[in-house]
C-alpha atoms as a PDB file:
ATOM      1  CA  MET A   1      77.168 131.692 -46.069  1.00  0.00           C
ATOM      2  CA  ILE A   2      77.691 128.423 -47.739  1.00  0.00           C
ATOM      3  CA  PRO A   3      80.619 126.723 -46.128  1.00  0.00           C
ATOM      4  CA  GLU A   4      83.618 126.137 -48.626  1.00  0.00           C
ATOM      5  CA  SER A   5      83.316 122.644 -49.582  1.00  0.00           C
ATOM      6  CA  THR A   6      83.235 120.196 -52.599  1.00  0.00           C
ATOM      7  CA  VAL A   7      79.809 119.101 -53.965  1.00  0.00           C
ATOM      8  CA  HIS A   8      79.768 115.591 -55.823  1.00  0.00           C
ATOM      9  CA  ILE A   9      77.559 114.584 -58.567  1.00  0.00           C
ATOM     10  CA  THR A  10      76.063 111.181 -57.192  1.00  0.00           C
ATOM     11  CA  ASP A  11      74.001 110.138 -59.766  1.00  0.00           C
ATOM     12  CA  LYS A  12      72.704 111.012 -63.274  1.00  0.00           C
ATOM     13  CA  PRO A  13      70.576 114.384 -64.028  1.00  0.00           C
ATOM     14  CA  LEU A  14      67.113 114.114 -62.970  1.00  0.00           C
ATOM     15  CA  SER A  15      65.810 115.697 -66.112  1.00  0.00           C
ATOM     16  CA  SER A  16      67.468 115.201 -69.908  1.00  0.00           C
ATOM     17  CA  ALA A  17      70.604 114.550 -70.154  1.00  0.00           C
ATOM     18  CA  ILE A  18      73.271 117.181 -70.954  1.00  0.00           C
ATOM     19  CA  SER A  19      77.033 117.497 -71.780  1.00  0.00           C
ATOM     20  CA  LEU A  20      79.485 119.000 -68.954  1.00  0.00           C
ATOM     21  CA  ARG A  21      83.072 120.131 -70.004  1.00  0.00           C
ATOM     22  CA  GLU A  22      85.658 119.925 -67.070  1.00  0.00           C
ATOM     23  CA  GLY A  23      86.990 123.258 -66.156  1.00  0.00           C
ATOM     24  CA  SER A  24      83.900 125.336 -67.200  1.00  0.00           C
ATOM     25  CA  PHE A  25      82.099 127.277 -64.569  1.00  0.00           C
ATOM     26  CA  VAL A  26      78.233 126.977 -63.827  1.00  0.00           C
ATOM     27  CA  PHE A  27      75.822 128.582 -61.572  1.00  0.00           C
ATOM     28  CA  VAL A  28      74.266 126.246 -58.724  1.00  0.00           C
ATOM     29  CA  ARG A  29      71.249 126.788 -56.878  1.00  0.00           C
ATOM     30  CA  VAL A  30      69.944 124.582 -53.895  1.00  0.00           C
ATOM     31  CA  LEU A  31      66.254 123.156 -54.515  1.00  0.00           C
ATOM     32  CA  ASP A  32      65.746 120.796 -51.555  1.00  0.00           C
ATOM     33  CA  GLU A  33      67.612 118.457 -48.637  1.00  0.00           C
ATOM     34  CA  LYS A  34      66.215 114.844 -49.017  1.00  0.00           C
ATOM     35  CA  SER A  35      65.917 112.267 -46.528  1.00  0.00           C
ATOM     36  CA  ASP A  36      68.909 110.322 -47.381  1.00  0.00           C
ATOM     37  CA  GLY A  37      71.183 113.390 -46.814  1.00  0.00           C
ATOM     38  CA  THR A  38      71.676 114.408 -50.513  1.00  0.00           C
ATOM     39  CA  TYR A  39      70.338 117.731 -52.451  1.00  0.00           C
ATOM     40  CA  THR A  40      68.582 118.630 -55.412  1.00  0.00           C
ATOM     41  CA  VAL A  41      70.310 121.275 -57.167  1.00  0.00           C
ATOM     42  CA  THR A  42      70.047 123.137 -60.538  1.00  0.00           C
ATOM     43  CA  PHE A  43      72.675 124.294 -62.915  1.00  0.00           C
ATOM     44  CA  ALA A  44      73.213 124.291 -66.510  1.00  0.00           C
ATOM     45  CA  GLY A  45      69.480 124.402 -67.144  1.00  0.00           C
ATOM     46  CA  ASN A  46      68.888 120.846 -65.483  1.00  0.00           C
ATOM     47  CA  ARG A  47      68.515 119.105 -61.931  1.00  0.00           C
ATOM     48  CA  PHE A  48      71.253 117.048 -60.188  1.00  0.00           C
ATOM     49  CA  SER A  49      70.957 114.954 -57.082  1.00  0.00           C
ATOM     50  CA  VAL A  50      74.118 115.713 -55.212  1.00  0.00           C
ATOM     51  CA  HIS A  51      76.015 115.126 -51.897  1.00  0.00           C
ATOM     52  CA  ALA A  52      78.073 117.661 -49.838  1.00  0.00           C
ATOM     53  CA  ASP A  53      80.856 117.771 -47.872  1.00  0.00           C
ATOM     54  CA  LYS A  54      79.377 120.105 -45.404  1.00  0.00           C
ATOM     55  CA  LYS A  55      75.733 121.440 -44.649  1.00  0.00           C
ATOM     56  CA  LEU A  56      74.102 123.454 -47.393  1.00  0.00           C
ATOM     57  CA  PHE A  57      70.231 124.867 -47.434  1.00  0.00           C
ATOM     58  CA  PRO A  58      67.388 125.373 -50.145  1.00  0.00           C
ATOM     59  CA  GLY A  59      67.747 128.732 -51.646  1.00  0.00           C
ATOM     60  CA  ASP A  60      71.634 128.481 -51.399  1.00  0.00           C
ATOM     61  CA  ALA A  61      73.444 129.651 -54.672  1.00  0.00           C
ATOM     62  CA  PHE A  62      76.814 129.926 -55.673  1.00  0.00           C
ATOM     63  CA  PRO A  63      78.704 129.763 -58.986  1.00  0.00           C
ATOM     64  CA  ALA A  64      81.093 126.819 -59.204  1.00  0.00           C
ATOM     65  CA  ARG A  65      83.728 125.104 -61.278  1.00  0.00           C
ATOM     66  CA  LEU A  66      83.270 121.710 -62.707  1.00  0.00           C
ATOM     67  CA  THR A  67      86.385 118.970 -62.128  1.00  0.00           C
ATOM     68  CA  THR A  68      86.876 115.491 -61.492  1.00  0.00           C
ATOM     69  CA  ASP A  69      88.750 112.991 -59.498  1.00  0.00           C
ATOM     70  CA  GLY A  70      88.828 110.515 -62.098  1.00  0.00           C
ATOM     71  CA  ARG A  71      86.023 108.552 -60.506  1.00  0.00           C
ATOM     72  CA  LYS A  72      83.491 111.348 -60.322  1.00  0.00           C
ATOM     73  CA  LEU A  73      82.530 114.745 -61.413  1.00  0.00           C
ATOM     74  CA  ILE A  74      83.156 117.613 -58.426  1.00  0.00           C
ATOM     75  CA  LEU A  75      81.632 121.095 -58.568  1.00  0.00           C
ATOM     76  CA  LEU A  76      84.160 123.321 -56.682  1.00  0.00           C
ATOM     77  CA  PRO A  77      82.503 126.477 -55.448  1.00  0.00           C
ATOM     78  CA  ASP A  78      84.024 129.675 -56.192  1.00  0.00           C
ATOM     79  CA  PHE A  79      83.747 131.806 -53.039  1.00  0.00           C
ATOM     80  CA  ASN A  80      84.918 135.193 -54.285  1.00  0.00           C
ATOM     81  CA  CYS A  81      81.462 136.233 -54.371  1.00  0.00           C
ATOM     82  CA  VAL A  82      78.828 136.735 -51.452  1.00  0.00           C
ATOM     83  CA  PHE A  83      75.598 134.527 -51.392  1.00  0.00           C
ATOM     84  CA  GLY A  84      73.004 134.208 -48.447  1.00  0.00           C
ATOM     85  CA  HIS A  85      70.744 131.603 -47.912  1.00  0.00           C
ATOM     86  CA  SER A  86      66.694 131.676 -47.489  1.00  0.00           C
ATOM     87  CA  GLY A  87      67.236 130.926 -43.727  1.00  0.00           C
ATOM     88  CA  SER A  88      69.498 133.849 -42.935  1.00  0.00           C
ATOM     89  CA  ASP A  89      68.598 137.066 -41.156  1.00  0.00           C
ATOM     90  CA  SER A  90      71.132 138.886 -42.823  1.00  0.00           C
ATOM     91  CA  ASN A  91      70.107 142.339 -44.832  1.00  0.00           C
ATOM     92  CA  ILE A  92      71.357 141.058 -48.182  1.00  0.00           C
ATOM     93  CA  SER A  93      69.137 137.688 -48.030  1.00  0.00           C
ATOM     94  CA  SER A  94      66.157 139.371 -46.680  1.00  0.00           C
ATOM     95  CA  ASN A  95      65.399 141.325 -50.043  1.00  0.00           C
ATOM     96  CA  SER A  96      65.486 137.958 -52.144  1.00  0.00           C
ATOM     97  CA  ASN A  97      65.649 134.721 -50.536  1.00  0.00           C
ATOM     98  CA  ILE A  98      66.755 133.310 -53.770  1.00  0.00           C
ATOM     99  CA  PHE A  99      70.066 135.436 -55.070  1.00  0.00           C
ATOM    100  CA  ALA A 100      71.962 137.952 -53.178  1.00  0.00           C
ATOM    101  CA  LEU A 101      73.670 140.584 -54.400  1.00  0.00           C
ATOM    102  CA  ASN A 102      77.352 140.090 -54.842  1.00  0.00           C
ATOM    103  CA  GLU A 103      79.604 143.232 -54.136  1.00  0.00           C
ATOM    104  CA  LEU A 104      81.460 143.721 -57.534  1.00  0.00           C
ATOM    105  CA  SER A 105      82.653 146.852 -59.252  1.00  0.00           C
ATOM    106  CA  ASP A 106      81.108 148.534 -61.998  1.00  0.00           C
ATOM    107  CA  GLY A 107      84.204 147.442 -64.193  1.00  0.00           C
ATOM    108  CA  GLU A 108      83.696 143.684 -63.378  1.00  0.00           C
ATOM    109  CA  VAL A 109      80.034 143.800 -63.887  1.00  0.00           C
ATOM    110  CA  ALA A 110      80.966 145.483 -67.700  1.00  0.00           C
ATOM    111  CA  GLN A 111      83.724 142.804 -68.303  1.00  0.00           C
ATOM    112  CA  TYR A 112      81.350 139.979 -67.566  1.00  0.00           C
ATOM    113  CA  PHE A 113      78.452 141.170 -69.892  1.00  0.00           C
ATOM    114  CA  THR A 114      81.405 141.780 -72.530  1.00  0.00           C
ATOM    115  CA  THR A 115      82.247 138.276 -72.384  1.00  0.00           C
ATOM    116  CA  LEU A 116      78.894 137.259 -72.913  1.00  0.00           C
ATOM    117  CA  GLY A 117      78.573 139.445 -75.789  1.00  0.00           C
ATOM    118  CA  LEU A 118      76.049 141.911 -74.351  1.00  0.00           C
ATOM    119  CA  VAL A 119      76.194 145.587 -73.941  1.00  0.00           C
ATOM    120  CA  PRO A 120      77.116 146.581 -70.240  1.00  0.00           C
ATOM    121  CA  ASP A 121      74.012 148.196 -69.357  1.00  0.00           C
ATOM    122  CA  ASP A 122      70.907 148.262 -66.871  1.00  0.00           C
ATOM    123  CA  LEU A 123      68.949 146.210 -69.564  1.00  0.00           C
ATOM    124  CA  SER A 124      71.524 143.489 -69.827  1.00  0.00           C
ATOM    125  CA  ARG A 125      71.783 143.372 -66.009  1.00  0.00           C
ATOM    126  CA  ARG A 126      68.059 143.019 -66.106  1.00  0.00           C
ATOM    127  CA  ILE A 127      67.723 140.021 -68.354  1.00  0.00           C
ATOM    128  CA  VAL A 128      70.563 138.122 -66.754  1.00  0.00           C
ATOM    129  CA  SER A 129      69.032 138.594 -63.306  1.00  0.00           C
ATOM    130  CA  PHE A 130      65.701 137.374 -64.531  1.00  0.00           C
ATOM    131  CA  MET A 131      67.180 134.427 -66.104  1.00  0.00           C
ATOM    132  CA  GLN A 132      69.052 133.711 -62.756  1.00  0.00           C
ATOM    133  CA  LEU A 133      65.993 134.190 -60.916  1.00  0.00           C
ATOM    134  CA  LEU A 134      64.076 131.586 -62.958  1.00  0.00           C
ATOM    135  CA  GLY A 135      67.404 129.071 -63.031  1.00  0.00           C
ATOM    136  CA  VAL A 136      67.508 129.153 -66.728  1.00  0.00           C
ATOM    137  CA  ARG A 137      70.394 128.494 -68.342  1.00  0.00           C
ATOM    138  CA  LEU A 138      72.314 131.696 -69.525  1.00  0.00           C
ATOM    139  CA  ASP A 139      72.612 131.534 -73.510  1.00  0.00           C
ATOM    140  CA  ALA A 140      74.454 134.461 -74.835  1.00  0.00           C
ATOM    141  CA  ASP A 141      72.486 134.119 -77.977  1.00  0.00           C
ATOM    142  CA  LYS A 142      69.302 133.870 -76.384  1.00  0.00           C
ATOM    143  CA  ALA A 143      70.002 136.732 -74.429  1.00  0.00           C
ATOM    144  CA  ALA A 144      71.142 139.034 -77.201  1.00  0.00           C
ATOM    145  CA  PHE A 145      67.965 138.022 -79.104  1.00  0.00           C
ATOM    146  CA  ILE A 146      65.707 138.981 -76.170  1.00  0.00           C
ATOM    147  CA  ARG A 147      67.614 142.044 -75.758  1.00  0.00           C
ATOM    148  CA  ASP A 148      67.086 143.198 -79.291  1.00  0.00           C
ATOM    149  CA  ILE A 149      63.447 142.377 -79.364  1.00  0.00           C
ATOM    150  CA  ALA A 150      62.795 144.111 -75.951  1.00  0.00           C
ATOM    151  CA  LYS A 151      64.622 147.503 -77.658  1.00  0.00           C
ATOM    152  CA  LYS A 152      61.528 147.409 -80.018  1.00  0.00           C
ATOM    153  CA  PHE A 153      59.390 148.817 -76.845  1.00  0.00           C
ATOM    154  CA  PRO A 154      61.283 152.021 -75.914  1.00  0.00           C
ATOM    155  CA  GLY A 155      60.509 153.163 -72.672  1.00  0.00           C
ATOM    156  CA  HIS A 156      59.424 149.948 -71.589  1.00  0.00           C
ATOM    157  CA  GLU A 157      62.508 147.476 -72.570  1.00  0.00           C
ATOM    158  CA  LYS A 158      62.876 145.957 -69.256  1.00  0.00           C
ATOM    159  CA  GLU A 159      59.668 145.074 -68.971  1.00  0.00           C
ATOM    160  CA  ALA A 160      59.640 143.555 -72.546  1.00  0.00           C
ATOM    161  CA  ALA A 161      62.690 141.717 -71.611  1.00  0.00           C
ATOM    162  CA  GLU A 162      61.210 139.911 -68.721  1.00  0.00           C
ATOM    163  CA  ALA A 163      58.099 139.121 -70.790  1.00  0.00           C
ATOM    164  CA  ALA A 164      60.041 137.832 -73.400  1.00  0.00           C
ATOM    165  CA  VAL A 165      62.193 135.434 -71.075  1.00  0.00           C
ATOM    166  CA  ILE A 166      59.073 134.126 -69.862  1.00  0.00           C
ATOM    167  CA  LEU A 167      57.784 133.394 -73.102  1.00  0.00           C
ATOM    168  CA  GLU A 168      61.065 131.795 -74.238  1.00  0.00           C
ATOM    169  CA  GLU A 169      61.109 129.427 -71.237  1.00  0.00           C
ATOM    170  CA  LYS A 170      57.358 128.537 -71.651  1.00  0.00           C
ATOM    171  CA  GLY A 171      58.119 127.518 -75.366  1.00  0.00           C
ATOM    172  CA  ILE A 172      55.674 130.312 -76.588  1.00  0.00           C
ATOM    173  CA  PRO A 173      56.626 132.400 -79.819  1.00  0.00           C
ATOM    174  CA  VAL A 174      58.522 135.399 -78.755  1.00  0.00           C
ATOM    175  CA  THR A 175      56.899 137.980 -80.717  1.00  0.00           C
ATOM    176  CA  GLU A 176      56.285 141.685 -80.231  1.00  0.00           C
ATOM    177  CA  GLU A 177      52.482 140.742 -80.254  1.00  0.00           C
ATOM    178  CA  ASN A 178      52.903 138.104 -77.656  1.00  0.00           C
ATOM    179  CA  ILE A 179      55.282 140.425 -75.465  1.00  0.00           C
ATOM    180  CA  SER A 180      52.826 143.082 -75.351  1.00  0.00           C
ATOM    181  CA  LYS A 181      50.007 140.478 -74.454  1.00  0.00           C
ATOM    182  CA  LEU A 182      52.182 139.265 -71.333  1.00  0.00           C
ATOM    183  CA  MET A 183      53.297 142.959 -70.391  1.00  0.00           C
ATOM    184  CA  GLY A 184      49.542 143.578 -70.275  1.00  0.00           C
ATOM    185  CA  LEU A 185      48.869 140.436 -68.083  1.00  0.00           C
ATOM    186  CA  ILE A 186      51.551 141.520 -65.813  1.00  0.00           C
ATOM    187  CA  SER A 187      50.809 145.065 -65.403  1.00  0.00           C
ATOM    188  CA  GLY A 188      47.105 144.442 -64.892  1.00  0.00           C
ATOM    189  CA  CYS A 189      45.910 146.585 -67.652  1.00  0.00           C
ATOM    190  CA  GLY A 190      45.685 144.160 -70.703  1.00  0.00           C
ATOM    191  CA  SER A 191      42.742 142.591 -72.080  1.00  0.00           C
ATOM    192  CA  ALA A 192      41.474 139.280 -70.924  1.00  0.00           C
ATOM    193  CA  ASP A 193      42.533 136.288 -73.059  1.00  0.00           C
ATOM    194  CA  ASN A 194      42.000 133.132 -71.152  1.00  0.00           C
ATOM    195  CA  GLY A 195      43.825 130.837 -73.653  1.00  0.00           C
ATOM    196  CA  PHE A 196      47.133 132.822 -73.589  1.00  0.00           C
ATOM    197  CA  THR A 197      47.074 133.250 -69.773  1.00  0.00           C
ATOM    198  CA  ALA A 198      46.661 129.246 -69.427  1.00  0.00           C
ATOM    199  CA  HIS A 199      49.444 128.865 -71.931  1.00  0.00           C
ATOM    200  CA  VAL A 200      51.705 131.241 -69.669  1.00  0.00           C
ATOM    201  CA  ASN A 201      50.869 129.771 -66.610  1.00  0.00           C
ATOM    202  CA  ALA A 202      51.395 125.787 -67.802  1.00  0.00           C
ATOM    203  CA  THR A 203      54.864 124.509 -66.790  1.00  0.00           C
ATOM    204  CA  GLU A 204      56.539 121.569 -65.789  1.00  0.00           C
ATOM    205  CA  ASP A 205      56.639 121.314 -61.810  1.00  0.00           C
ATOM    206  CA  ASP A 206      60.297 120.772 -61.432  1.00  0.00           C
ATOM    207  CA  GLU A 207      61.281 124.233 -62.214  1.00  0.00           C
ATOM    208  CA  PRO A 208      60.664 127.744 -60.918  1.00  0.00           C
ATOM    209  CA  HIS A 209      57.800 129.709 -62.766  1.00  0.00           C
ATOM    210  CA  TRP A 210      55.841 132.821 -62.779  1.00  0.00           C
ATOM    211  CA  ILE A 211      52.102 132.367 -62.497  1.00  0.00           C
ATOM    212  CA  ILE A 212      50.089 135.255 -63.392  1.00  0.00           C
ATOM    213  CA  ILE A 213      46.615 135.947 -62.456  1.00  0.00           C
ATOM    214  CA  PRO A 214      44.697 138.968 -63.834  1.00  0.00           C
ATOM    215  CA  TYR A 215      41.633 140.366 -61.869  1.00  0.00           C
ATOM    216  CA  GLU A 216      38.967 143.037 -61.889  1.00  0.00           C
ATOM    217  CA  TYR A 217      36.423 144.322 -59.424  1.00  0.00           C
ATOM    218  CA  LYS A 218      33.424 146.672 -60.317  1.00  0.00           C
ATOM    219  CA  GLY A 219      32.128 148.361 -57.438  1.00  0.00           C
ATOM    220  CA  ASP A 220      29.080 150.652 -57.424  1.00  0.00           C
ATOM    221  CA  ASP A 221      31.173 153.575 -58.507  1.00  0.00           C
ATOM    222  CA  PRO A 222      34.527 154.357 -60.259  1.00  0.00           C
ATOM    223  CA  GLU A 223      36.135 155.126 -56.749  1.00  0.00           C
ATOM    224  CA  SER A 224      35.585 151.632 -55.337  1.00  0.00           C
ATOM    225  CA  SER A 225      36.190 149.812 -58.849  1.00  0.00           C
ATOM    226  CA  PHE A 226      39.832 148.550 -59.697  1.00  0.00           C
ATOM    227  CA  SER A 227      41.760 146.092 -61.528  1.00  0.00           C
ATOM    228  CA  GLY A 228      45.359 144.566 -61.750  1.00  0.00           C
ATOM    229  CA  SER A 229      47.277 141.556 -61.415  1.00  0.00           C
ATOM    230  CA  LEU A 230      48.806 138.713 -59.150  1.00  0.00           C
ATOM    231  CA  CYS A 231      52.225 137.333 -59.990  1.00  0.00           C
ATOM    232  CA  LEU A 232      53.569 134.240 -58.053  1.00  0.00           C
ATOM    233  CA  LEU A 233      56.829 132.719 -58.440  1.00  0.00           C
ATOM    234  CA  LYS A 234      56.359 129.141 -57.526  1.00  0.00           C
ATOM    235  CA  GLU A 235      59.497 127.031 -56.628  1.00  0.00           C
ATOM    236  CA  PRO A 236      59.710 123.158 -57.698  1.00  0.00           C
ATOM    237  CA  ASP A 237      58.669 122.255 -53.750  1.00  0.00           C
ATOM    238  CA  GLY A 238      55.256 124.063 -54.363  1.00  0.00           C
ATOM    239  CA  THR A 239      55.713 126.913 -51.976  1.00  0.00           C
ATOM    240  CA  VAL A 240      55.661 130.701 -53.415  1.00  0.00           C
ATOM    241  CA  SER A 241      58.757 132.700 -52.836  1.00  0.00           C
ATOM    242  CA  ARG A 242      57.777 135.884 -53.812  1.00  0.00           C
ATOM    243  CA  LEU A 243      54.749 138.040 -55.011  1.00  0.00           C
ATOM    244  CA  LYS A 244      54.207 140.998 -57.232  1.00  0.00           C
ATOM    245  CA  ILE A 245      50.653 142.767 -56.874  1.00  0.00           C
ATOM    246  CA  THR A 246      49.662 145.474 -59.184  1.00  0.00           C
ATOM    247  CA  SER A 247      46.049 147.398 -58.440  1.00  0.00           C
ATOM    248  CA  ARG A 248      45.063 150.045 -60.711  1.00  0.00           C
ATOM    249  CA  LYS A 249      42.459 152.546 -59.009  1.00  0.00           C
ATOM    250  CA  GLY A 250      41.522 155.602 -61.066  1.00  0.00           C
ATOM    251  CA  GLU A 251      44.487 157.489 -61.854  1.00  0.00           C
ATOM    252  CA  LYS A 252      46.613 155.821 -58.932  1.00  0.00           C
ATOM    253  CA  LEU A 253      48.587 152.932 -59.086  1.00  0.00           C
ATOM    254  CA  PHE A 254      49.538 150.569 -56.095  1.00  0.00           C
ATOM    255  CA  LEU A 255      52.361 148.329 -56.472  1.00  0.00           C
ATOM    256  CA  PHE A 256      53.696 145.515 -53.698  1.00  0.00           C
ATOM    257  CA  LYS A 257      56.449 143.123 -53.732  1.00  0.00           C
ATOM    258  CA  ILE A 258      56.247 140.409 -51.163  1.00  0.00           C
ATOM    259  CA  TYR A 259      59.724 138.103 -50.281  1.00  0.00           C
ATOM    260  CA  LEU A 260      59.149 134.806 -48.073  1.00  0.00           C
ATOM    261  CA  ASN A 261      61.872 133.729 -46.484  1.00  0.00           C
ATOM    262  CA  TYR A 262      61.408 130.161 -45.219  1.00  0.00           C
ATOM    263  CA  CYS A 263      62.962 127.801 -42.259  1.00  0.00           C
ATOM    264  CA  VAL A 264      65.202 125.393 -43.726  1.00  0.00           C
ATOM    265  CA  ASN A 265      62.169 122.463 -43.831  1.00  0.00           C
ATOM    266  CA  LYS A 266      59.787 124.787 -45.568  1.00  0.00           C
ATOM    267  CA  THR A 267      57.151 124.577 -42.641  1.00  0.00           C
ATOM    268  CA  LYS A 268      56.919 128.105 -41.742  1.00  0.00           C
ATOM    269  CA  ILE A 269      57.987 131.550 -42.802  1.00  0.00           C
ATOM    270  CA  ASN A 270      60.768 133.317 -41.085  1.00  0.00           C
ATOM    271  CA  VAL A 271      60.493 136.488 -42.585  1.00  0.00           C
ATOM    272  CA  CYS A 272      57.919 138.292 -44.617  1.00  0.00           C
ATOM    273  CA  THR A 273      58.994 141.342 -46.317  1.00  0.00           C
ATOM    274  CA  VAL A 274      56.349 143.608 -48.297  1.00  0.00           C
ATOM    275  CA  GLU A 275      57.848 146.743 -50.442  1.00  0.00           C
ATOM    276  CA  PHE A 276      55.085 148.985 -51.570  1.00  0.00           C
ATOM    277  CA  THR A 277      54.705 151.849 -53.497  1.00  0.00           C
ATOM    278  CA  VAL A 278      51.981 154.660 -54.797  1.00  0.00           C
ATOM    279  CA  GLU A 279      52.125 156.490 -58.125  1.00  0.00           C
ATOM    280  CA  PRO A 280      52.333 158.985 -58.859  1.00  0.00           C
ATOM    281  CA  HIS A 281      55.047 159.880 -56.167  1.00  0.00           C
ATOM    282  CA  ASN A 282      54.724 163.590 -56.658  1.00  0.00           C
ATOM    283  CA  GLU A 283      51.181 163.772 -55.427  1.00  0.00           C
ATOM    284  CA  ASN A 284      51.737 165.896 -51.819  1.00  0.00           C
ATOM    285  CA  VAL A 285      48.315 166.322 -50.361  1.00  0.00           C
ATOM    286  CA  GLY A 286      47.346 163.252 -48.293  1.00  0.00           C
ATOM    287  CA  LEU A 287      50.100 160.829 -49.584  1.00  0.00           C
ATOM    288  CA  SER A 288      51.851 160.641 -46.055  1.00  0.00           C
ATOM    289  CA  GLY A 289      48.547 159.690 -44.580  1.00  0.00           C
ATOM    290  CA  ARG A 290      47.886 156.988 -47.084  1.00  0.00           C
ATOM    291  CA  ILE A 291      50.950 155.520 -46.944  1.00  0.00           C
ATOM    292  CA  GLU A 292      50.453 155.211 -42.973  1.00  0.00           C
ATOM    293  CA  ARG A 293      47.068 153.787 -43.441  1.00  0.00           C
ATOM    294  CA  ILE A 294      48.333 150.980 -46.103  1.00  0.00           C
ATOM    295  CA  GLU A 295      51.541 150.143 -43.896  1.00  0.00           C
ATOM    296  CA  LYS A 296      48.843 149.645 -40.984  1.00  0.00           C
ATOM    297  CA  LYS A 297      46.600 147.364 -42.889  1.00  0.00           C
ATOM    298  CA  LEU A 298      49.272 145.413 -44.224  1.00  0.00           C
ATOM    299  CA  ARG A 299      50.882 144.329 -40.979  1.00  0.00           C
ATOM    300  CA  SER A 300      47.504 143.475 -39.610  1.00  0.00           C
ATOM    301  CA  ALA A 301      46.641 141.205 -42.887  1.00  0.00           C
ATOM    302  CA  LEU A 302      50.008 139.560 -42.387  1.00  0.00           C
ATOM    303  CA  ALA A 303      49.836 139.261 -38.698  1.00  0.00           C
ATOM    304  CA  GLY A 304      50.567 135.581 -37.972  1.00  0.00           C
ATOM    305  CA  VAL A 305      52.067 134.713 -41.467  1.00  0.00           C
ATOM    306  CA  ALA A 306      55.768 134.797 -40.420  1.00  0.00           C
ATOM    307  CA  GLU A 307      57.860 135.006 -37.150  1.00  0.00           C
ATOM    308  CA  LYS A 308      58.846 138.521 -38.478  1.00  0.00           C
ATOM    309  CA  ILE A 309      57.035 141.173 -41.018  1.00  0.00           C
ATOM    310  CA  VAL A 310      58.890 143.736 -42.705  1.00  0.00           C
ATOM    311  CA  VAL A 311      56.688 146.609 -44.202  1.00  0.00           C
ATOM    312  CA  ARG A 312      58.627 149.705 -45.978  1.00  0.00           C
ATOM    313  CA  TYR A 313      57.845 152.029 -48.555  1.00  0.00           C
ATOM    314  CA  GLU A 314      59.709 152.736 -51.636  1.00  0.00           C
ATOM    315  CA  THR A 315      60.282 155.398 -54.047  1.00  0.00           C
ATOM    316  CA  ASP A 316      62.054 153.133 -56.341  1.00  0.00           C
ATOM    317  CA  SER A 317      60.975 152.503 -59.848  1.00  0.00           C
ATOM    318  CA  ASP A 318      62.360 149.042 -59.449  1.00  0.00           C
ATOM    319  CA  ILE A 319      59.485 147.973 -57.871  1.00  0.00           C
ATOM    320  CA  ILE A 320      57.799 147.613 -60.883  1.00  0.00           C
ATOM    321  CA  TYR A 321      59.934 144.744 -62.241  1.00  0.00           C
ATOM    322  CA  LEU A 322      59.477 141.186 -61.509  1.00  0.00           C
ATOM    323  CA  SER A 323      63.227 140.543 -60.999  1.00  0.00           C
ATOM    324  CA  ASP A 324      65.290 142.716 -58.689  1.00  0.00           C
ATOM    325  CA  ASN A 325      68.253 143.246 -60.748  1.00  0.00           C
ATOM    326  CA  ASP A 326      70.324 141.235 -58.519  1.00  0.00           C
ATOM    327  CA  ILE A 327      73.061 139.058 -60.431  1.00  0.00           C
ATOM    328  CA  ALA A 328      75.604 136.493 -59.525  1.00  0.00           C
ATOM    329  CA  LEU A 329      78.554 136.873 -61.612  1.00  0.00           C
ATOM    330  CA  VAL A 330      80.796 133.611 -62.224  1.00  0.00           C
ATOM    331  CA  ARG A 331      84.264 134.413 -62.325  1.00  0.00           C
ATOM    332  CA  ALA A 332      86.937 132.311 -63.418  1.00  0.00           C
ATOM    333  CA  LYS A 333      90.540 132.184 -61.501  1.00  0.00           C
ATOM    334  CA  ALA A 334      93.840 132.456 -63.220  1.00  0.00           C
END
């Protein structure tokens, strides 16, 4: 957990200038530690160079209140919520090396969404979770727009919401047609459009972003042919923090999520966690044997990648999404 401390802004934003208001709350994410002892952090949709009273770690995330001592702007962390960092071995951070799930009641979550003007339900939670994962400034109007257009995809609202967030941040028109295209790319069942794919994958290097790569392999017969997609979350420092792999083979769908937890200086991976599922889940004949074979192959393929390899089969439908539905709620004190 991040030690209680204040984080002082030591120079101007590293990106475009913004207006910061004393007393407001922001969500802060630590990107890296620099050789001079300062840290690069992101909040309010911009990057800043800061120094802290105590040690921080890349991947740390926390809500903070903006204040000033008359000479400099200060970020005062609010530690009512629970957050982990990427170097932690805790169960919380092993599931996501970016944001840890804070333990709040359903009532507190509902109140938070209500203050944002959002309906307090799973779709709103998915939108906020994905925006936080990408370090996107949480704009209530933007979130409401994404929610409205996602509702036009009944049964696939959450996938549509994630696609809409990506399009919005890439500067691509958020239309139903483009959302459908991107959902096809992510799910591995869309038609090839190299121009659209290149536009989706293009971004500036100073922000986390998804790289989506569709693939297709044609064997000698249908049983040896498969297609799908590889989605990578690339961090500003060039590392990949998570992957989602989709593979379709006949009537079967294989889904994999891979989380990479690095050491502090990013020179090695401490923990590699793989969650996977096979659909349909109700296939009784041979399923347990297939799961065991997949686990064995995954462990063999990943041997030596990290100090610790965790592989587990999941039946949770959440694995189909890019985000984990984890959110960090910024709560103001009385």
